[in-house]
C-alpha cells in the first residue's frame, strides 16, 4: 500500500529531526477508519508522534467516512472551501509532497 510509504518516510524524516506533517486528502481519507480498526503500527506511531496534521473534512463527507474519521480524534481540516489547503503550510516554509 502506497500510504505505508508516506508513513515510513514521515517517520524517517522525523527521526532525523525534520518537521513533518501528514494530511489525509482525497481517497486516502478512507484509510483512517481502516488504520484505526487494525491498529496499524506505522499509523499509530505517526499519530502518537503528532505527525498527522489532520483529515480533509469535505473528502471525508463525500466519501462517507466523516463520522468514523471524527472518532479518530484527528483534526478535520477545512480551511480551503471545506477542504484541507496547502497555503498555510507553504507560508510556514513546508515543502509540500503529494503521493
Protein backbone atom coordinates (compact mmCIF):
# COMPACT_ATOMS: atom_id res chain seq x y z
CA UNK A 1 0.00 0.00 0.00
CA UNK A 2 1.44 3.36 -1.04
CA UNK A 3 0.25 5.17 2.09
CA UNK A 4 2.57 2.95 4.10
CA UNK A 5 5.41 4.67 2.21
CA UNK A 6 4.09 8.05 3.33
CA UNK A 7 4.07 6.88 6.94
CA UNK A 8 7.55 5.33 6.65
CA UNK A 9 9.03 8.46 5.05
CA UNK A 10 7.40 10.70 7.64
CA UNK A 11 8.79 8.63 10.50
CA UNK A 12 12.24 8.52 8.85
CA UNK A 13 12.33 12.31 8.36
CA UNK A 14 11.01 12.89 11.88
CA UNK A 15 13.69 10.65 13.39
CA UNK A 16 16.28 12.74 11.52
CA UNK A 17 14.96 15.89 13.20
CA UNK A 18 12.83 17.19 10.32
CA UNK A 19 9.45 18.83 10.86
CA UNK A 20 6.83 16.63 9.16
CA UNK A 21 3.05 16.83 8.78
CA UNK A 22 0.79 14.26 7.13
CA UNK A 23 -2.57 15.26 5.68
CA UNK A 24 -5.16 12.69 4.65
CA UNK A 25 -6.71 14.12 1.47
CA UNK A 26 -8.78 12.65 -1.34
CA UNK A 27 -9.34 8.89 -1.31
CA UNK A 28 -6.79 8.44 1.49
CA UNK A 29 -9.40 9.67 3.99
CA UNK A 30 -10.97 6.22 3.67
CA UNK A 31 -7.82 4.69 5.16
CA UNK A 32 -8.20 6.33 8.58
CA UNK A 33 -11.03 4.05 9.79
CA UNK A 34 -9.13 1.02 8.49
CA UNK A 35 -5.88 2.06 10.18
CA UNK A 36 -7.77 2.75 13.42
CA UNK A 37 -9.58 -0.61 13.32
CA UNK A 38 -6.50 -2.67 12.54
CA UNK A 39 -4.32 -0.56 14.85
CA UNK A 40 -1.81 -0.15 12.03
CA UNK A 41 1.58 0.19 13.80
CA UNK A 42 3.05 2.83 11.48
CA UNK A 43 -0.14 4.90 11.58
CA UNK A 44 -0.34 4.68 15.39
CA UNK A 45 3.35 5.63 15.70
CA UNK A 46 2.89 8.66 13.41
CA UNK A 47 -0.32 9.65 15.21
CA UNK A 48 1.29 9.34 18.64
CA UNK A 49 4.28 11.40 17.44
CA UNK A 50 1.93 14.20 16.35
CA UNK A 51 2.90 13.90 12.70
CA UNK A 52 -0.66 13.78 11.37
CA UNK A 53 -1.94 17.32 10.81
CA UNK A 54 -5.43 16.10 10.03
CA UNK A 55 -8.01 14.81 7.57
CA UNK A 56 -9.84 16.64 4.80
CA UNK A 57 -13.35 17.35 6.07
CA UNK A 58 -15.03 17.65 2.65
CA UNK A 59 -13.46 14.45 1.29
CA UNK A 60 -14.46 12.61 4.45
CA UNK A 61 -18.08 13.68 3.96
CA UNK A 62 -18.18 12.97 0.22
CA UNK A 63 -16.57 9.54 0.67
CA UNK A 64 -18.85 8.58 3.57
CA UNK A 65 -16.27 8.30 6.35
CA UNK A 66 -16.79 11.60 8.18
CA UNK A 67 -18.26 10.09 11.37
CA UNK A 68 -15.57 7.39 11.52
CA UNK A 69 -12.81 9.96 10.93
CA UNK A 70 -14.18 12.26 13.63
CA UNK A 71 -13.91 9.37 16.09
CA UNK A 72 -10.17 9.08 15.34
CA UNK A 73 -9.52 12.26 17.33
CA UNK A 74 -7.62 13.78 14.41
CA UNK A 75 -8.32 17.34 13.30
CA UNK A 76 -10.80 17.77 10.46
CA UNK A 77 -9.19 20.25 8.05
CA UNK A 78 -11.44 22.63 6.11
CA UNK A 79 -9.50 25.86 5.55
CA UNK A 80 -9.89 25.83 1.73
CA UNK A 81 -13.60 25.85 0.89
CA UNK A 82 -14.16 22.85 3.14
CA UNK A 83 -11.02 21.02 2.01
CA UNK A 84 -7.53 20.80 3.51
CA UNK A 85 -5.48 23.61 1.99
CA UNK A 86 -1.72 23.85 1.44
CA UNK A 87 -1.33 27.63 1.66
CA UNK A 88 -0.63 27.91 5.39
CA UNK A 89 1.96 25.12 5.22
CA UNK A 90 3.76 26.73 2.29
CA UNK A 91 3.68 30.09 4.08
CA UNK A 92 5.21 28.39 7.13
CA UNK A 93 8.10 27.09 4.99
CA UNK A 94 7.00 23.49 4.47
CA UNK A 95 7.74 21.67 1.22
CA UNK A 96 4.56 20.02 0.02
CA UNK A 97 4.97 16.47 -1.28
CA UNK A 98 1.97 14.73 -2.78
CA UNK A 99 1.98 10.97 -3.19
